[in-house]
PDB file of N, CA and C in Angstrom:
ATOM      1  N   MET A   1     -78.590  38.640 -15.883  1.00  0.00           N
ATOM      2  CA  MET A   1     -77.384  39.119 -16.890  1.00  0.00           C
ATOM      3  C   MET A   1     -76.596  38.181 -17.012  1.00  0.00           C
ATOM      4  N   GLY A   2     -76.415  37.054 -18.778  1.00  0.00           N
ATOM      5  CA  GLY A   2     -75.554  35.569 -18.772  1.00  0.00           C
ATOM      6  C   GLY A   2     -74.110  35.930 -18.058  1.00  0.00           C
ATOM      7  N   ARG A   3     -73.551  34.645 -18.416  1.00  0.00           N
ATOM      8  CA  ARG A   3     -72.554  34.791 -18.374  1.00  0.00           C
ATOM      9  C   ARG A   3     -71.665  35.495 -19.086  1.00  0.00           C
ATOM     10  N   TRP A   4     -70.241  35.350 -19.503  1.00  0.00           N
ATOM     11  CA  TRP A   4     -69.454  35.878 -19.961  1.00  0.00           C
ATOM     12  C   TRP A   4     -68.858  34.981 -21.285  1.00  0.00           C
ATOM     13  N   ARG A   5     -68.736  35.117 -21.965  1.00  0.00           N
ATOM     14  CA  ARG A   5     -67.848  33.375 -22.589  1.00  0.00           C
ATOM     15  C   ARG A   5     -66.939  33.848 -22.851  1.00  0.00           C
ATOM     16  N   TYR A   6     -66.160  35.310 -23.130  1.00  0.00           N
ATOM     17  CA  TYR A   6     -65.097  35.569 -23.306  1.00  0.00           C
ATOM     18  C   TYR A   6     -64.696  37.271 -22.498  1.00  0.00           C
ATOM     19  N   THR A   7     -63.349  37.314 -22.041  1.00  0.00           N
ATOM     20  CA  THR A   7     -63.221  39.124 -21.161  1.00  0.00           C
ATOM     21  C   THR A   7     -61.844  39.052 -22.308  1.00  0.00           C
ATOM     22  N   VAL A   8     -62.379  40.557 -22.573  1.00  0.00           N
ATOM     23  CA  VAL A   8     -60.700  40.625 -23.770  1.00  0.00           C
ATOM     24  C   VAL A   8     -60.733  42.963 -23.030  1.00  0.00           C
ATOM     25  N   THR A   9     -59.136  42.165 -22.743  1.00  0.00           N
ATOM     26  CA  THR A   9     -59.133  43.555 -22.316  1.00  0.00           C
ATOM     27  C   THR A   9     -58.377  44.695 -23.624  1.00  0.00           C
ATOM     28  N   LEU A  10     -59.440  46.435 -24.594  1.00  0.00           N
ATOM     29  CA  LEU A  10     -59.061  46.504 -25.705  1.00  0.00           C
ATOM     30  C   LEU A  10     -58.487  47.738 -24.147  1.00  0.00           C
ATOM     31  N   GLY A  11     -58.855  48.089 -23.844  1.00  0.00           N
ATOM     32  CA  GLY A  11     -57.280  50.180 -23.120  1.00  0.00           C
ATOM     33  C   GLY A  11     -58.025  50.688 -23.663  1.00  0.00           C
ATOM     34  N   LEU A  12     -60.037  50.388 -24.153  1.00  0.00           N
ATOM     35  CA  LEU A  12     -60.563  52.074 -25.063  1.00  0.00           C
ATOM     36  C   LEU A  12     -60.842  53.456 -24.091  1.00  0.00           C
ATOM     37  N   GLU A  13     -61.295  53.409 -22.172  1.00  0.00           N
ATOM     38  CA  GLU A  13     -61.198  54.780 -22.254  1.00  0.00           C
ATOM     39  C   GLU A  13     -60.197  55.031 -21.961  1.00  0.00           C
ATOM     40  N   SER A  14     -58.599  54.752 -21.214  1.00  0.00           N
ATOM     41  CA  SER A  14     -57.296  55.356 -21.547  1.00  0.00           C
ATOM     42  C   SER A  14     -57.166  55.890 -23.480  1.00  0.00           C
ATOM     43  N   LEU A  15     -57.799  55.595 -24.265  1.00  0.00           N
ATOM     44  CA  LEU A  15     -57.233  55.651 -25.618  1.00  0.00           C
ATOM     45  C   LEU A  15     -58.514  56.562 -25.868  1.00  0.00           C
ATOM     46  N   LEU A  16     -59.689  56.756 -25.934  1.00  0.00           N
ATOM     47  CA  LEU A  16     -61.095  57.695 -26.242  1.00  0.00           C
ATOM     48  C   LEU A  16     -61.279  59.111 -25.997  1.00  0.00           C
ATOM     49  N   ASP A  17     -60.079  59.014 -23.989  1.00  0.00           N
ATOM     50  CA  ASP A  17     -59.840  59.969 -23.472  1.00  0.00           C
ATOM     51  C   ASP A  17     -58.529  60.653 -23.641  1.00  0.00           C
ATOM     52  N   ASP A  18     -57.373  60.673 -24.420  1.00  0.00           N
ATOM     53  CA  ASP A  18     -56.197  60.702 -24.974  1.00  0.00           C
ATOM     54  C   ASP A  18     -56.470  61.941 -26.117  1.00  0.00           C
ATOM     55  N   GLU A  19     -56.268  63.293 -25.392  1.00  0.00           N
ATOM     56  CA  GLU A  19     -56.691  64.392 -26.909  1.00  0.00           C
ATOM     57  C   GLU A  19     -55.360  64.742 -27.521  1.00  0.00           C
ATOM     58  N   SER A  20     -54.433  63.993 -27.528  1.00  0.00           N
ATOM     59  CA  SER A  20     -53.420  63.634 -28.355  1.00  0.00           C
ATOM     60  C   SER A  20     -53.444  62.758 -29.527  1.00  0.00           C
ATOM     61  N   THR A  21     -54.181  62.166 -29.506  1.00  0.00           N
ATOM     62  CA  THR A  21     -54.647  61.254 -30.161  1.00  0.00           C
ATOM     63  C   THR A  21     -55.970  61.725 -30.921  1.00  0.00           C
ATOM     64  N   THR A  22     -55.694  61.817 -32.260  1.00  0.00           N
ATOM     65  CA  THR A  22     -56.832  62.019 -33.245  1.00  0.00           C
ATOM     66  C   THR A  22     -57.523  61.001 -33.949  1.00  0.00           C
ATOM     67  N   VAL A  23     -58.861  61.504 -33.840  1.00  0.00           N
ATOM     68  CA  VAL A  23     -60.236  60.667 -34.046  1.00  0.00           C
ATOM     69  C   VAL A  23     -58.782  59.208 -35.347  1.00  0.00           C
ATOM     70  N   GLU A  24     -58.698  59.851 -36.437  1.00  0.00           N
ATOM     71  CA  GLU A  24     -58.317  59.343 -37.545  1.00  0.00           C
ATOM     72  C   GLU A  24     -57.900  57.841 -36.857  1.00  0.00           C
ATOM     73  N   GLN A  25     -56.281  58.109 -35.660  1.00  0.00           N
ATOM     74  CA  GLN A  25     -55.557  57.363 -34.945  1.00  0.00           C
ATOM     75  C   GLN A  25     -56.033  56.453 -34.295  1.00  0.00           C
ATOM     76  N   LYS A  26     -57.759  56.887 -33.271  1.00  0.00           N
ATOM     77  CA  LYS A  26     -57.900  55.964 -32.515  1.00  0.00           C
ATOM     78  C   LYS A  26     -58.741  55.288 -33.308  1.00  0.00           C
ATOM     79  N   GLY A  27     -58.795  55.484 -34.737  1.00  0.00           N
ATOM     80  CA  GLY A  27     -59.803  54.443 -35.358  1.00  0.00           C
ATOM     81  C   GLY A  27     -58.783  53.244 -35.403  1.00  0.00           C
ATOM     82  N   TRP A  28     -57.657  53.491 -35.910  1.00  0.00           N
ATOM     83  CA  TRP A  28     -56.900  52.566 -36.023  1.00  0.00           C
ATOM     84  C   TRP A  28     -56.196  51.792 -35.383  1.00  0.00           C
ATOM     85  N   MET A  29     -56.175  51.773 -34.388  1.00  0.00           N
ATOM     86  CA  MET A  29     -55.760  51.821 -33.069  1.00  0.00           C
ATOM     87  C   MET A  29     -57.058  51.031 -32.666  1.00  0.00           C
ATOM     88  N   ILE A  30     -58.423  51.312 -32.243  1.00  0.00           N
ATOM     89  CA  ILE A  30     -58.925  49.989 -32.084  1.00  0.00           C
ATOM     90  C   ILE A  30     -59.084  49.030 -33.060  1.00  0.00           C
ATOM     91  N   ALA A  31     -59.269  49.573 -34.815  1.00  0.00           N
ATOM     92  CA  ALA A  31     -58.737  48.174 -34.959  1.00  0.00           C
ATOM     93  C   ALA A  31     -57.994  47.465 -35.076  1.00  0.00           C
ATOM     94  N   GLU A  32     -56.815  47.807 -35.001  1.00  0.00           N
ATOM     95  CA  GLU A  32     -56.092  46.697 -34.552  1.00  0.00           C
ATOM     96  C   GLU A  32     -55.717  46.152 -33.179  1.00  0.00           C
ATOM     97  N   ARG A  33     -56.820  46.508 -32.260  1.00  0.00           N
ATOM     98  CA  ARG A  33     -56.369  46.190 -31.031  1.00  0.00           C
ATOM     99  C   ARG A  33     -57.764  44.275 -31.144  1.00  0.00           C
ATOM    100  N   LEU A  34     -58.775  45.249 -31.611  1.00  0.00           N
ATOM    101  CA  LEU A  34     -59.939  44.184 -31.911  1.00  0.00           C
ATOM    102  C   LEU A  34     -58.850  43.280 -33.204  1.00  0.00           C
ATOM    103  N   ASP A  35     -58.409  43.462 -33.743  1.00  0.00           N
ATOM    104  CA  ASP A  35     -57.812  42.520 -34.835  1.00  0.00           C
ATOM    105  C   ASP A  35     -56.646  41.025 -34.185  1.00  0.00           C
ATOM    106  N   ARG A  36     -56.541  41.445 -33.012  1.00  0.00           N
ATOM    107  CA  ARG A  36     -56.181  40.941 -31.948  1.00  0.00           C
ATOM    108  C   ARG A  36     -56.068  39.760 -31.100  1.00  0.00           C
ATOM    109  N   GLU A  37     -58.088  40.120 -31.379  1.00  0.00           N
ATOM    110  CA  GLU A  37     -58.878  39.437 -30.408  1.00  0.00           C
ATOM    111  C   GLU A  37     -59.789  38.463 -31.384  1.00  0.00           C
ATOM    112  N   ALA A  38     -59.367  37.396 -30.730  1.00  0.00           N
ATOM    113  CA  ALA A  38     -59.877  36.699 -31.813  1.00  0.00           C
ATOM    114  C   ALA A  38     -61.362  35.611 -32.046  1.00  0.00           C
ATOM    115  N   CYS A  39     -62.087  36.529 -30.592  1.00  0.00           N
ATOM    116  CA  CYS A  39     -63.599  36.992 -30.756  1.00  0.00           C
ATOM    117  C   CYS A  39     -64.363  37.893 -31.685  1.00  0.00           C
ATOM    118  N   PHE A  40     -63.681  38.639 -32.049  1.00  0.00           N
ATOM    119  CA  PHE A  40     -63.903  39.805 -32.625  1.00  0.00           C
ATOM    120  C   PHE A  40     -63.594  39.484 -33.502  1.00  0.00           C
ATOM    121  N   HIS A  41     -63.008  38.476 -34.528  1.00  0.00           N
ATOM    122  CA  HIS A  41     -63.068  38.582 -36.062  1.00  0.00           C
ATOM    123  C   HIS A  41     -64.575  38.842 -36.883  1.00  0.00           C
ATOM    124  N   SER A  42     -65.204  38.337 -36.581  1.00  0.00           N
ATOM    125  CA  SER A  42     -66.451  37.883 -36.982  1.00  0.00           C
ATOM    126  C   SER A  42     -66.950  39.173 -37.169  1.00  0.00           C
ATOM    127  N   PHE A  43     -66.818  39.657 -36.063  1.00  0.00           N
ATOM    128  CA  PHE A  43     -67.214  41.803 -36.577  1.00  0.00           C
ATOM    129  C   PHE A  43     -67.643  42.705 -37.386  1.00  0.00           C
ATOM    130  N   PRO A  44     -68.381  42.777 -38.007  1.00  0.00           N
ATOM    131  CA  PRO A  44     -68.481  43.068 -39.326  1.00  0.00           C
ATOM    132  C   PRO A  44     -67.544  43.992 -40.038  1.00  0.00           C
ATOM    133  N   GLU A  45     -67.735  44.953 -39.031  1.00  0.00           N
ATOM    134  CA  GLU A  45     -67.490  45.957 -38.611  1.00  0.00           C
ATOM    135  C   GLU A  45     -65.854  46.279 -38.708  1.00  0.00           C
ATOM    136  N   ARG A  46     -65.719  46.020 -38.127  1.00  0.00           N
ATOM    137  CA  ARG A  46     -63.407  46.374 -37.295  1.00  0.00           C
ATOM    138  C   ARG A  46     -62.980  46.581 -38.718  1.00  0.00           C
ATOM    139  N   ALA A  47     -63.096  47.032 -39.649  1.00  0.00           N
ATOM    140  CA  ALA A  47     -62.018  47.358 -40.426  1.00  0.00           C
ATOM    141  C   ALA A  47     -62.992  48.621 -41.329  1.00  0.00           C
ATOM    142  N   ALA A  48     -63.839  48.887 -40.871  1.00  0.00           N
ATOM    143  CA  ALA A  48     -64.366  50.182 -40.643  1.00  0.00           C
ATOM    144  C   ALA A  48     -63.964  51.033 -40.019  1.00  0.00           C
ATOM    145  N   PHE A  49     -63.146  50.610 -38.438  1.00  0.00           N
ATOM    146  CA  PHE A  49     -62.580  51.842 -37.634  1.00  0.00           C
ATOM    147  C   PHE A  49     -61.396  52.412 -38.208  1.00  0.00           C
ATOM    148  N   ARG A  50     -60.543  52.204 -39.718  1.00  0.00           N
ATOM    149  CA  ARG A  50     -59.924  51.813 -40.360  1.00  0.00           C
ATOM    150  C   ARG A  50     -60.010  53.596 -40.690  1.00  0.00           C
ATOM    151  N   MET A  51     -61.282  53.523 -41.759  1.00  0.00           N
ATOM    152  CA  MET A  51     -61.411  54.564 -42.539  1.00  0.00           C
ATOM    153  C   MET A  51     -62.419  55.717 -41.738  1.00  0.00           C
ATOM    154  N   VAL A  52     -62.755  55.422 -40.488  1.00  0.00           N
ATOM    155  CA  VAL A  52     -62.950  56.480 -39.195  1.00  0.00           C
ATOM    156  C   VAL A  52     -62.370  58.017 -39.675  1.00  0.00           C
ATOM    157  N   ARG A  53     -62.715  59.025 -40.007  1.00  0.00           N
ATOM    158  CA  ARG A  53     -62.842  60.243 -39.854  1.00  0.00           C
ATOM    159  C   ARG A  53     -63.293  61.528 -39.408  1.00  0.00           C
ATOM    160  N   ASP A  54     -64.807  61.009 -37.925  1.00  0.00           N
ATOM    161  CA  ASP A  54     -65.635  62.079 -37.328  1.00  0.00           C
ATOM    162  C   ASP A  54     -65.856  61.181 -36.071  1.00  0.00           C
ATOM    163  N   THR A  55     -65.681  62.246 -34.917  1.00  0.00           N
ATOM    164  CA  THR A  55     -67.087  61.185 -34.074  1.00  0.00           C
ATOM    165  C   THR A  55     -67.899  61.131 -33.996  1.00  0.00           C
ATOM    166  N   ASP A  56     -68.369  61.413 -34.639  1.00  0.00           N
ATOM    167  CA  ASP A  56     -69.784  61.142 -34.867  1.00  0.00           C
ATOM    168  C   ASP A  56     -70.368  59.313 -35.470  1.00  0.00           C
ATOM    169  N   LYS A  57     -69.152  59.018 -36.538  1.00  0.00           N
ATOM    170  CA  LYS A  57     -68.755  57.893 -37.110  1.00  0.00           C
ATOM    171  C   LYS A  57     -68.027  56.485 -35.697  1.00  0.00           C
ATOM    172  N   LEU A  58     -66.373  57.443 -35.399  1.00  0.00           N
ATOM    173  CA  LEU A  58     -65.873  56.262 -34.394  1.00  0.00           C
ATOM    174  C   LEU A  58     -67.416  56.181 -33.283  1.00  0.00           C
ATOM    175  N   ASP A  59     -67.946  57.124 -32.748  1.00  0.00           N
ATOM    176  CA  ASP A  59     -69.268  56.590 -31.955  1.00  0.00           C
ATOM    177  C   ASP A  59     -70.006  55.306 -32.422  1.00  0.00           C
ATOM    178  N   GLN A  60     -70.980  56.266 -33.539  1.00  0.00           N
ATOM    179  CA  GLN A  60     -71.265  54.807 -34.079  1.00  0.00           C
ATOM    180  C   GLN A  60     -70.719  53.315 -34.596  1.00  0.00           C
ATOM    181  N   LEU A  61     -69.379  53.148 -34.521  1.00  0.00           N
ATOM    182  CA  LEU A  61     -69.157  52.291 -34.951  1.00  0.00           C
ATOM    183  C   LEU A  61     -68.227  51.406 -33.378  1.00  0.00           C
ATOM    184  N   LEU A  62     -68.290  52.010 -32.616  1.00  0.00           N
ATOM    185  CA  LEU A  62     -67.773  52.231 -30.789  1.00  0.00           C
ATOM    186  C   LEU A  62     -69.614  51.120 -30.686  1.00  0.00           C
ATOM    187  N   ALA A  63     -70.280  51.758 -30.665  1.00  0.00           N
ATOM    188  CA  ALA A  63     -71.948  51.585 -29.892  1.00  0.00           C
ATOM    189  C   ALA A  63     -72.225  49.867 -31.314  1.00  0.00           C
ATOM    190  N   ARG A  64     -71.948  49.715 -32.056  1.00  0.00           N
ATOM    191  CA  ARG A  64     -72.139  48.454 -33.355  1.00  0.00           C
ATOM    192  C   ARG A  64     -71.409  47.714 -32.298  1.00  0.00           C
ATOM    193  N   MET A  65     -70.064  47.960 -31.977  1.00  0.00           N
ATOM    194  CA  MET A  65     -69.052  46.840 -31.572  1.00  0.00           C
ATOM    195  C   MET A  65     -69.506  46.585 -30.146  1.00  0.00           C
ATOM    196  N   TYR A  66     -70.036  47.039 -29.169  1.00  0.00           N
ATOM    197  CA  TYR A  66     -70.990  46.806 -27.445  1.00  0.00           C
ATOM    198  C   TYR A  66     -71.973  46.246 -28.215  1.00  0.00           C
ATOM    199  N   ASP A  67     -72.769  45.798 -29.399  1.00  0.00           N
ATOM    200  CA  ASP A  67     -73.982  45.807 -29.091  1.00  0.00           C
ATOM    201  C   ASP A  67     -73.636  44.049 -29.827  1.00  0.00           C
ATOM    202  N   TYR A  68     -71.835  43.802 -30.336  1.00  0.00           N
ATOM    203  CA  TYR A  68     -71.977  42.854 -30.882  1.00  0.00           C
ATOM    204  C   TYR A  68     -71.729  42.156 -29.806  1.00  0.00           C
ATOM    205  N   ALA A  69     -70.503  42.720 -28.762  1.00  0.00           N
ATOM    206  CA  ALA A  69     -69.855  42.332 -27.596  1.00  0.00           C
ATOM    207  C   ALA A  69     -71.400  41.325 -26.641  1.00  0.00           C
ATOM    208  N   ASP A  70     -72.061  41.874 -26.564  1.00  0.00           N
ATOM    209  CA  ASP A  70     -73.382  41.707 -25.643  1.00  0.00           C
ATOM    210  C   ASP A  70     -73.968  40.610 -26.330  1.00  0.00           C
ATOM    211  N   ARG A  71     -74.124  40.587 -27.629  1.00  0.00           N
ATOM    212  CA  ARG A  71     -75.246  39.760 -28.661  1.00  0.00           C
ATOM    213  C   ARG A  71     -73.987  38.659 -28.585  1.00  0.00           C
ATOM    214  N   TYR A  72     -72.658  37.997 -28.411  1.00  0.00           N
ATOM    215  CA  TYR A  72     -72.087  37.530 -27.926  1.00  0.00           C
ATOM    216  C   TYR A  72     -71.557  36.894 -26.988  1.00  0.00           C
ATOM    217  N   ARG A  73     -72.043  37.737 -25.938  1.00  0.00           N
ATOM    218  CA  ARG A  73     -71.399  37.896 -25.054  1.00  0.00           C
ATOM    219  C   ARG A  73     -70.086  37.689 -24.586  1.00  0.00           C
ATOM    220  N   ILE A  74     -69.357  39.195 -24.591  1.00  0.00           N
ATOM    221  CA  ILE A  74     -67.992  39.388 -24.653  1.00  0.00           C
ATOM    222  C   ILE A  74     -67.996  40.259 -24.096  1.00  0.00           C
ATOM    223  N   TRP A  75     -67.313  40.203 -22.464  1.00  0.00           N
ATOM    224  CA  TRP A  75     -66.930  41.414 -21.240  1.00  0.00           C
ATOM    225  C   TRP A  75     -65.686  42.120 -22.198  1.00  0.00           C
ATOM    226  N   ILE A  76     -65.984  43.293 -22.079  1.00  0.00           N
ATOM    227  CA  ILE A  76     -64.904  43.899 -22.668  1.00  0.00           C
ATOM    228  C   ILE A  76     -64.199  45.130 -21.546  1.00  0.00           C
ATOM    229  N   ALA A  77     -63.369  44.690 -20.740  1.00  0.00           N
ATOM    230  CA  ALA A  77     -62.381  45.755 -19.836  1.00  0.00           C
ATOM    231  C   ALA A  77     -61.691  46.739 -20.214  1.00  0.00           C
TER     232      ALA A  77
END
């Protein structure tokens, strides 16, 4: 594995494990966290997190986010 260009802390594990937060809220919170990270500003799916209504769509977007991070060598802590 090559060197990472960026390291970002999104706190996704605790957010995704929080059962008191709805899927819609999780999507909004992830979008807000991505908005704060300059290395994700060109991620085309960033705004789509705000439209999430079910866990399947959230999982799809998270998979795309991790693919993007791998492609641009972003370590998500």
